[in-house]
Every structure is written in C-alpha cells, then in structure tokens.
C-alpha cells in the first residue's frame, strides 16, 4: 500500500497567538487571494517554508511539495508517495524539522485543526491512499468498494482522526460535516475525494480528507489499511 500525506499547519506570531502576517488585534482581507499565492501582501513566512523544504530534502525525507494555503499564514507540505509505514515515519521527522526551524525563526508552529474561529479555513492532514489493485486495470471498482467500507466505519475513524476535529469538520470551508460520510469526484467538500484522473483512467488512488492537522499518522494510515483490506 502507498500513502501520501498533506500536512497543513499555521505559523503564529510569538507571544500573541495570532497568525503570521495578520495585524495584531485585527484581520487581513478575506480568503481568496492567498492560496498558492506569491507576494509580500499574500504569502507570510515563505522563508521558513523554503528552509523546511530544503532541510527535509537534505535529511532524505520524501517531501514532494509545498504550497500556501487558503487562510493567510497557513501552509502545507506533502510527504510521499511512500510505501507502508514509511509515510508516517517521514511525516513525523518532517514535523520535528519544521518545529526546529520555526524555533530558530522565533515563530510558533500550530497543528491545531481550527486555529482561528469563524470564516477561516481549518487545517487538515489529507491522506492519499492506494493499493496495487487500485492502480491496475479495473482499480476504480476496488476503490469504490474500499470507500464503501470506510463509510461503514466512519464514526470509528473520526474518533481517531485528531483532537478538536469537530471544530474543523463543519460542512463549510472545504469540509464535510463530521457526522456525515460522503464521497465524490473532485469534490473538496466530501469526506473522500476521488481525482478526475482516477475516474477517467479507471484506476488510481483516493484522498481521505477527514484527518485533522494534529492527527497521528501511524493511527490514520493503519486504520485506513485495516478498514479497506482486512474487514
């Protein structure tokens, strides 16, 4: 089995517990121009993000990308695709490296799934998953069977997918409601999202969008494997 994990996180100004780049005691402009953006008025903390990316490469982490997130001051890096437990090992070390780099920069790293209440995106750790049979001809049917199994154990997965996740999974801000399980193709508001290429090719992988940014990757990846392969 292969996993790829998308780790979202928020950079906070030290002592004030407020996102980097936000005016103290105030708010930036509404969400919209910040996702994957460039520019001093839209991307806050890129020096930290780039230093983390380079340090992960130097350490041998299979880090595959970085991007600015929807909420300003929030970023994401991706680890994988990696086989089996390796994705969790590498995410854990990548988190540690990020903690050390933010320490040097005098910035606080937050993995809280909803650091700012209100009309702001939360932070997740979307987990991409496939098995050999999903990536071969006819794999789309295998994927749909696996998703059906995940739906039957939705409550058990949610209980293990990160503390405070109920503040993030509201059915708004690109999430499905915490009590609802649904899947769809290219649906950012689904519990499980299947890519358009996977549907078109009839094989590939799917993305579990439910895990919170503070999830334990060993728990999440093992639960997905257990539910889809052993039950």
C-alpha atoms as a PDB file:
ATOM      1  CA  UNK A   1       0.000   0.000   0.000  1.00  0.00           C
ATOM      2  CA  UNK A   2       1.106   3.548  -0.721  1.00  0.00           C
ATOM      3  CA  UNK A   3       0.337   6.707   1.238  1.00  0.00           C
ATOM      4  CA  UNK A   4       0.843  10.400   0.559  1.00  0.00           C
ATOM      5  CA  UNK A   5       0.091  12.818   3.393  1.00  0.00           C
ATOM      6  CA  UNK A   6      -0.691  16.539   3.027  1.00  0.00           C
ATOM      7  CA  UNK A   7       0.316  18.308   6.259  1.00  0.00           C
ATOM      8  CA  UNK A   8      -1.325  21.696   6.770  1.00  0.00           C
ATOM      9  CA  UNK A   9      -0.056  23.952   9.544  1.00  0.00           C
ATOM     10  CA  UNK A  10      -0.305  27.532  10.772  1.00  0.00           C
ATOM     11  CA  UNK A  11       2.548  29.891  11.632  1.00  0.00           C
ATOM     12  CA  UNK A  12       1.784  32.069  14.661  1.00  0.00           C
ATOM     13  CA  UNK A  13       3.405  35.259  15.895  1.00  0.00           C
ATOM     14  CA  UNK A  14       5.220  34.537  19.122  1.00  0.00           C
ATOM     15  CA  UNK A  15       3.528  35.694  22.372  1.00  0.00           C
ATOM     16  CA  UNK A  16       0.291  36.892  20.724  1.00  0.00           C
ATOM     17  CA  UNK A  17      -1.028  33.545  19.351  1.00  0.00           C
ATOM     18  CA  UNK A  18      -2.073  35.240  16.094  1.00  0.00           C
ATOM     19  CA  UNK A  19      -1.175  34.101  12.552  1.00  0.00           C
ATOM     20  CA  UNK A  20       1.965  35.382  10.905  1.00  0.00           C
ATOM     21  CA  UNK A  21       1.260  38.384   8.681  1.00  0.00           C
ATOM     22  CA  UNK A  22      -2.003  39.266  10.383  1.00  0.00           C
ATOM     23  CA  UNK A  23      -2.287  42.707  12.029  1.00  0.00           C
ATOM     24  CA  UNK A  24      -2.216  42.285  15.810  1.00  0.00           C
ATOM     25  CA  UNK A  25      -5.738  42.621  17.101  1.00  0.00           C
ATOM     26  CA  UNK A  26      -7.119  42.734  13.561  1.00  0.00           C
ATOM     27  CA  UNK A  27      -7.786  40.662  10.482  1.00  0.00           C
ATOM     28  CA  UNK A  28      -6.362  40.527   6.965  1.00  0.00           C
ATOM     29  CA  UNK A  29      -8.535  40.727   3.869  1.00  0.00           C
ATOM     30  CA  UNK A  30     -10.952  37.834   3.316  1.00  0.00           C
ATOM     31  CA  UNK A  31      -9.823  34.473   1.964  1.00  0.00           C
ATOM     32  CA  UNK A  32      -9.384  34.195  -1.768  1.00  0.00           C
ATOM     33  CA  UNK A  33      -6.022  35.571  -2.929  1.00  0.00           C
ATOM     34  CA  UNK A  34      -3.765  33.601  -0.553  1.00  0.00           C
ATOM     35  CA  UNK A  35      -3.926  30.003  -1.817  1.00  0.00           C
ATOM     36  CA  UNK A  36      -0.710  29.114  -3.678  1.00  0.00           C
ATOM     37  CA  UNK A  37      -0.039  32.855  -3.836  1.00  0.00           C
ATOM     38  CA  UNK A  38       3.129  34.912  -4.109  1.00  0.00           C
ATOM     39  CA  UNK A  39       3.777  38.433  -2.869  1.00  0.00           C
ATOM     40  CA  UNK A  40       4.532  40.181   0.402  1.00  0.00           C
ATOM     41  CA  UNK A  41       0.847  41.008   0.920  1.00  0.00           C
ATOM     42  CA  UNK A  42      -0.345  37.422   0.397  1.00  0.00           C
ATOM     43  CA  UNK A  43       2.383  34.939   1.425  1.00  0.00           C
ATOM     44  CA  UNK A  44       3.646  35.174   5.003  1.00  0.00           C
ATOM     45  CA  UNK A  45       6.589  33.042   6.160  1.00  0.00           C
ATOM     46  CA  UNK A  46       7.916  31.683   2.883  1.00  0.00           C
ATOM     47  CA  UNK A  47      11.499  31.867   4.155  1.00  0.00           C
ATOM     48  CA  UNK A  48      10.538  29.372   6.870  1.00  0.00           C
ATOM     49  CA  UNK A  49       8.687  27.161   4.403  1.00  0.00           C
ATOM     50  CA  UNK A  50      11.587  27.100   1.929  1.00  0.00           C
ATOM     51  CA  UNK A  51      14.126  26.396   4.686  1.00  0.00           C
ATOM     52  CA  UNK A  52      11.975  23.480   5.860  1.00  0.00           C
ATOM     53  CA  UNK A  53      11.690  22.083   2.342  1.00  0.00           C
ATOM     54  CA  UNK A  54      15.453  22.205   1.818  1.00  0.00           C
ATOM     55  CA  UNK A  55      16.181  20.696   5.246  1.00  0.00           C
ATOM     56  CA  UNK A  56      13.787  17.814   4.530  1.00  0.00           C
ATOM     57  CA  UNK A  57      15.483  17.126   1.197  1.00  0.00           C
ATOM     58  CA  UNK A  58      18.870  17.183   2.930  1.00  0.00           C
ATOM     59  CA  UNK A  59      17.587  14.743   5.578  1.00  0.00           C
ATOM     60  CA  UNK A  60      16.329  12.308   2.952  1.00  0.00           C
ATOM     61  CA  UNK A  61      12.633  12.934   3.577  1.00  0.00           C
ATOM     62  CA  UNK A  62      10.452  12.126   0.588  1.00  0.00           C
ATOM     63  CA  UNK A  63       8.900  15.599   0.608  1.00  0.00           C
ATOM     64  CA  UNK A  64       7.079  16.186  -2.655  1.00  0.00           C
ATOM     65  CA  UNK A  65       5.754  19.730  -2.492  1.00  0.00           C
ATOM     66  CA  UNK A  66       4.800  22.872  -0.576  1.00  0.00           C
ATOM     67  CA  UNK A  67       2.111  25.494  -1.048  1.00  0.00           C
ATOM     68  CA  UNK A  68       0.478  28.446   0.650  1.00  0.00           C
ATOM     69  CA  UNK A  69      -2.957  27.555   1.998  1.00  0.00           C
ATOM     70  CA  UNK A  70      -6.365  29.244   1.831  1.00  0.00           C
ATOM     71  CA  UNK A  71      -6.020  31.027   5.174  1.00  0.00           C
ATOM     72  CA  UNK A  72      -3.146  33.539   5.222  1.00  0.00           C
ATOM     73  CA  UNK A  73      -0.327  32.387   7.498  1.00  0.00           C
ATOM     74  CA  UNK A  74      -1.229  28.772   6.822  1.00  0.00           C
ATOM     75  CA  UNK A  75       0.918  26.451   4.699  1.00  0.00           C
ATOM     76  CA  UNK A  76       1.105  22.856   3.580  1.00  0.00           C
ATOM     77  CA  UNK A  77       3.790  20.350   2.726  1.00  0.00           C
ATOM     78  CA  UNK A  78       3.330  16.911   1.231  1.00  0.00           C
ATOM     79  CA  UNK A  79       5.178  13.728   2.098  1.00  0.00           C
ATOM     80  CA  UNK A  80       5.096  10.725  -0.218  1.00  0.00           C
ATOM     81  CA  UNK A  81       4.069   8.755  -2.049  1.00  0.00           C
ATOM     82  CA  UNK A  82       5.720   6.290   0.322  1.00  0.00           C
ATOM     83  CA  UNK A  83       5.189   2.586   0.881  1.00  0.00           C
ATOM     84  CA  UNK A  84       3.634   1.286   4.083  1.00  0.00           C
ATOM     85  CA  UNK A  85       4.760   2.767   7.373  1.00  0.00           C
ATOM     86  CA  UNK A  86       7.429   4.945   5.710  1.00  0.00           C
ATOM     87  CA  UNK A  87       4.959   7.791   5.066  1.00  0.00           C
ATOM     88  CA  UNK A  88       4.252   8.087   8.801  1.00  0.00           C
ATOM     89  CA  UNK A  89       7.946   7.869   9.711  1.00  0.00           C
ATOM     90  CA  UNK A  90       8.793  10.631   7.269  1.00  0.00           C
ATOM     91  CA  UNK A  91       5.914  12.884   8.290  1.00  0.00           C
ATOM     92  CA  UNK A  92       6.924  12.574  11.945  1.00  0.00           C
ATOM     93  CA  UNK A  93      10.517  13.593  11.216  1.00  0.00           C
ATOM     94  CA  UNK A  94       9.366  16.376   8.862  1.00  0.00           C
ATOM     95  CA  UNK A  95       7.191  17.792  11.669  1.00  0.00           C
ATOM     96  CA  UNK A  96      10.198  17.766  14.005  1.00  0.00           C
ATOM     97  CA  UNK A  97      12.369  19.558  11.450  1.00  0.00           C
ATOM     98  CA  UNK A  98       9.656  22.181  11.000  1.00  0.00           C
ATOM     99  CA  UNK A  99       9.442  22.670  14.769  1.00  0.00           C
ATOM    100  CA  UNK A 100      13.193  23.298  14.927  1.00  0.00           C
ATOM    101  CA  UNK A 101      13.157  25.751  12.018  1.00  0.00           C
ATOM    102  CA  UNK A 102      10.238  27.763  13.399  1.00  0.00           C
ATOM    103  CA  UNK A 103      12.062  27.855  16.756  1.00  0.00           C
ATOM    104  CA  UNK A 104      15.095  29.464  15.132  1.00  0.00           C
ATOM    105  CA  UNK A 105      12.839  31.933  13.308  1.00  0.00           C
ATOM    106  CA  UNK A 106      11.042  32.922  16.507  1.00  0.00           C
ATOM    107  CA  UNK A 107       7.699  31.770  15.124  1.00  0.00           C
ATOM    108  CA  UNK A 108       5.286  29.309  16.732  1.00  0.00           C
ATOM    109  CA  UNK A 109       4.153  26.216  14.823  1.00  0.00           C
ATOM    110  CA  UNK A 110       0.490  25.274  15.318  1.00  0.00           C
ATOM    111  CA  UNK A 111      -1.083  21.993  14.243  1.00  0.00           C
ATOM    112  CA  UNK A 112      -4.460  22.996  15.677  1.00  0.00           C
ATOM    113  CA  UNK A 113      -7.210  21.960  13.230  1.00  0.00           C
ATOM    114  CA  UNK A 114      -9.068  25.278  13.606  1.00  0.00           C
ATOM    115  CA  UNK A 115      -6.673  27.907  14.980  1.00  0.00           C
ATOM    116  CA  UNK A 116      -8.920  30.872  14.143  1.00  0.00           C
ATOM    117  CA  UNK A 117     -12.696  30.560  14.712  1.00  0.00           C
ATOM    118  CA  UNK A 118     -15.125  31.946  12.201  1.00  0.00           C
ATOM    119  CA  UNK A 119     -14.957  32.310   8.434  1.00  0.00           C
ATOM    120  CA  UNK A 120     -11.453  30.895   8.031  1.00  0.00           C
ATOM    121  CA  UNK A 121     -10.311  27.520   6.757  1.00  0.00           C
ATOM    122  CA  UNK A 122      -9.125  24.947   9.247  1.00  0.00           C
ATOM    123  CA  UNK A 123      -6.030  22.770   8.921  1.00  0.00           C
ATOM    124  CA  UNK A 124      -6.114  19.121   7.945  1.00  0.00           C
ATOM    125  CA  UNK A 125      -3.826  16.278   7.014  1.00  0.00           C
ATOM    126  CA  UNK A 126      -5.462  14.824   3.931  1.00  0.00           C
ATOM    127  CA  UNK A 127      -4.256  11.261   3.459  1.00  0.00           C
ATOM    128  CA  UNK A 128      -3.955   9.807  -0.049  1.00  0.00           C
ATOM    129  CA  UNK A 129      -4.062   6.046  -0.371  1.00  0.00           C
ATOM    130  CA  UNK A 130      -3.843   3.264  -2.916  1.00  0.00           C
ATOM    131  CA  UNK A 131      -3.084  -0.430  -3.182  1.00  0.00           C
ATOM    132  CA  UNK A 132      -1.594  -2.271  -6.142  1.00  0.00           C
ATOM    133  CA  UNK A 133      -5.025  -3.477  -7.251  1.00  0.00           C
ATOM    134  CA  UNK A 134      -6.369   0.098  -7.193  1.00  0.00           C
ATOM    135  CA  UNK A 135      -3.604   1.213  -9.529  1.00  0.00           C
ATOM    136  CA  UNK A 136      -4.168  -1.602 -12.026  1.00  0.00           C
ATOM    137  CA  UNK A 137      -6.866  -2.061 -14.675  1.00  0.00           C
ATOM    138  CA  UNK A 138     -10.275  -2.215 -13.010  1.00  0.00           C
ATOM    139  CA  UNK A 139      -8.948  -0.398  -9.979  1.00  0.00           C
ATOM    140  CA  UNK A 140     -11.836   2.062  -9.857  1.00  0.00           C
ATOM    141  CA  UNK A 141     -14.141  -0.724  -8.729  1.00  0.00           C
ATOM    142  CA  UNK A 142     -11.683  -1.661  -5.980  1.00  0.00           C
ATOM    143  CA  UNK A 143     -11.565   1.985  -4.891  1.00  0.00           C
ATOM    144  CA  UNK A 144     -15.364   2.228  -4.670  1.00  0.00           C
ATOM    145  CA  UNK A 145     -15.507  -0.957  -2.589  1.00  0.00           C
ATOM    146  CA  UNK A 146     -12.851   0.445  -0.237  1.00  0.00           C
ATOM    147  CA  UNK A 147     -14.751   3.732   0.122  1.00  0.00           C
ATOM    148  CA  UNK A 148     -17.937   1.820   0.956  1.00  0.00           C
ATOM    149  CA  UNK A 149     -16.073   0.038   3.757  1.00  0.00           C
ATOM    150  CA  UNK A 150     -14.754   3.362   5.078  1.00  0.00           C
ATOM    151  CA  UNK A 151     -18.291   4.710   5.193  1.00  0.00           C
ATOM    152  CA  UNK A 152     -19.435   1.859   7.417  1.00  0.00           C
ATOM    153  CA  UNK A 153     -16.725   2.704   9.991  1.00  0.00           C
ATOM    154  CA  UNK A 154     -16.983   6.481   9.732  1.00  0.00           C
ATOM    155  CA  UNK A 155     -17.539   7.027  13.474  1.00  0.00           C
ATOM    156  CA  UNK A 156     -14.525   4.903  14.463  1.00  0.00           C
ATOM    157  CA  UNK A 157     -12.267   6.757  12.042  1.00  0.00           C
ATOM    158  CA  UNK A 158     -13.470  10.195  13.139  1.00  0.00           C
ATOM    159  CA  UNK A 159     -12.807   9.295  16.782  1.00  0.00           C
ATOM    160  CA  UNK A 160      -9.163   8.597  15.916  1.00  0.00           C
ATOM    161  CA  UNK A 161      -8.547  11.345  13.354  1.00  0.00           C
ATOM    162  CA  UNK A 162      -7.342  14.152  15.622  1.00  0.00           C
ATOM    163  CA  UNK A 163      -8.311  16.144  18.690  1.00  0.00           C
ATOM    164  CA  UNK A 164     -10.544  19.159  18.083  1.00  0.00           C
ATOM    165  CA  UNK A 165     -11.503  17.984  14.606  1.00  0.00           C
ATOM    166  CA  UNK A 166     -15.166  18.788  15.306  1.00  0.00           C
ATOM    167  CA  UNK A 167     -14.231  22.482  15.149  1.00  0.00           C
ATOM    168  CA  UNK A 168     -12.930  21.962  11.607  1.00  0.00           C
ATOM    169  CA  UNK A 169     -15.363  19.456  10.075  1.00  0.00           C
ATOM    170  CA  UNK A 170     -18.413  21.708   9.914  1.00  0.00           C
ATOM    171  CA  UNK A 171     -19.558  21.158   6.344  1.00  0.00           C
ATOM    172  CA  UNK A 172     -18.082  24.537   5.420  1.00  0.00           C
ATOM    173  CA  UNK A 173     -14.609  25.691   4.322  1.00  0.00           C
ATOM    174  CA  UNK A 174     -13.964  22.670   2.086  1.00  0.00           C
ATOM    175  CA  UNK A 175     -15.017  20.008   4.595  1.00  0.00           C
ATOM    176  CA  UNK A 176     -17.833  17.518   5.022  1.00  0.00           C
ATOM    177  CA  UNK A 177     -19.833  17.665   8.241  1.00  0.00           C
ATOM    178  CA  UNK A 178     -18.268  15.472  10.929  1.00  0.00           C
ATOM    179  CA  UNK A 179     -21.430  13.347  11.246  1.00  0.00           C
ATOM    180  CA  UNK A 180     -21.852  12.850   7.503  1.00  0.00           C
ATOM    181  CA  UNK A 181     -19.925  10.497   5.237  1.00  0.00           C
ATOM    182  CA  UNK A 182     -19.943  11.234   1.528  1.00  0.00           C
ATOM    183  CA  UNK A 183     -17.579  10.815  -1.374  1.00  0.00           C
ATOM    184  CA  UNK A 184     -17.298  12.359  -4.797  1.00  0.00           C
ATOM    185  CA  UNK A 185     -15.101  13.025  -7.783  1.00  0.00           C
ATOM    186  CA  UNK A 186     -13.160  16.303  -7.492  1.00  0.00           C
ATOM    187  CA  UNK A 187     -15.382  17.272  -4.531  1.00  0.00           C
ATOM    188  CA  UNK A 188     -13.470  19.311  -1.943  1.00  0.00           C
ATOM    189  CA  UNK A 189     -16.483  19.163   0.361  1.00  0.00           C
ATOM    190  CA  UNK A 190     -16.501  15.377   0.527  1.00  0.00           C
ATOM    191  CA  UNK A 191     -15.183  13.026   3.203  1.00  0.00           C
ATOM    192  CA  UNK A 192     -13.391  11.033   0.493  1.00  0.00           C
ATOM    193  CA  UNK A 193     -12.353  12.689  -2.755  1.00  0.00           C
ATOM    194  CA  UNK A 194     -11.509  10.810  -5.939  1.00  0.00           C
ATOM    195  CA  UNK A 195      -9.477  12.688  -8.527  1.00  0.00           C
ATOM    196  CA  UNK A 196     -10.750  13.304 -12.039  1.00  0.00           C
ATOM    197  CA  UNK A 197      -7.766  11.446 -13.478  1.00  0.00           C
ATOM    198  CA  UNK A 198      -8.619   8.383 -11.382  1.00  0.00           C
ATOM    199  CA  UNK A 199     -12.195   8.403 -12.667  1.00  0.00           C
ATOM    200  CA  UNK A 200     -11.033   8.977 -16.243  1.00  0.00           C
ATOM    201  CA  UNK A 201      -8.344   6.267 -16.148  1.00  0.00           C
ATOM    202  CA  UNK A 202     -10.488   3.799 -14.215  1.00  0.00           C
ATOM    203  CA  UNK A 203      -7.701   3.321 -11.661  1.00  0.00           C
ATOM    204  CA  UNK A 204      -5.514   5.287  -9.256  1.00  0.00           C
ATOM    205  CA  UNK A 205      -5.952   6.441  -5.671  1.00  0.00           C
ATOM    206  CA  UNK A 206      -8.308   8.312  -3.343  1.00  0.00           C
ATOM    207  CA  UNK A 207      -7.944  11.020  -0.706  1.00  0.00           C
ATOM    208  CA  UNK A 208      -9.319  10.801   2.830  1.00  0.00           C
ATOM    209  CA  UNK A 209      -9.997  14.468   3.699  1.00  0.00           C
ATOM    210  CA  UNK A 210     -11.185  13.839   7.260  1.00  0.00           C
ATOM    211  CA  UNK A 211      -7.908  13.665   9.280  1.00  0.00           C
ATOM    212  CA  UNK A 212      -7.030  16.787  11.276  1.00  0.00           C
ATOM    213  CA  UNK A 213      -3.664  18.507  11.065  1.00  0.00           C
ATOM    214  CA  UNK A 214      -2.725  17.146  14.510  1.00  0.00           C
ATOM    215  CA  UNK A 215      -3.557  13.527  13.678  1.00  0.00           C
ATOM    216  CA  UNK A 216      -1.224  10.640  14.477  1.00  0.00           C
ATOM    217  CA  UNK A 217      -0.133   9.406  11.037  1.00  0.00           C
ATOM    218  CA  UNK A 218       0.544   5.899  12.314  1.00  0.00           C
ATOM    219  CA  UNK A 219      -3.037   5.621  13.585  1.00  0.00           C
ATOM    220  CA  UNK A 220      -4.629   7.110  10.468  1.00  0.00           C
ATOM    221  CA  UNK A 221      -2.691   5.135   7.861  1.00  0.00           C
ATOM    222  CA  UNK A 222      -3.070   1.854   9.752  1.00  0.00           C
ATOM    223  CA  UNK A 223      -6.824   2.399  10.207  1.00  0.00           C
ATOM    224  CA  UNK A 224      -7.337   3.088   6.501  1.00  0.00           C
ATOM    225  CA  UNK A 225      -5.415  -0.081   5.645  1.00  0.00           C
ATOM    226  CA  UNK A 226      -7.267  -2.152   8.255  1.00  0.00           C
ATOM    227  CA  UNK A 227     -10.710  -0.981   7.141  1.00  0.00           C
ATOM    228  CA  UNK A 228     -10.092  -1.377   3.415  1.00  0.00           C
ATOM    229  CA  UNK A 229      -8.030  -4.574   3.433  1.00  0.00           C
ATOM    230  CA  UNK A 230      -8.945  -6.631   6.492  1.00  0.00           C
ATOM    231  CA  UNK A 231     -12.658  -6.005   7.055  1.00  0.00           C
END
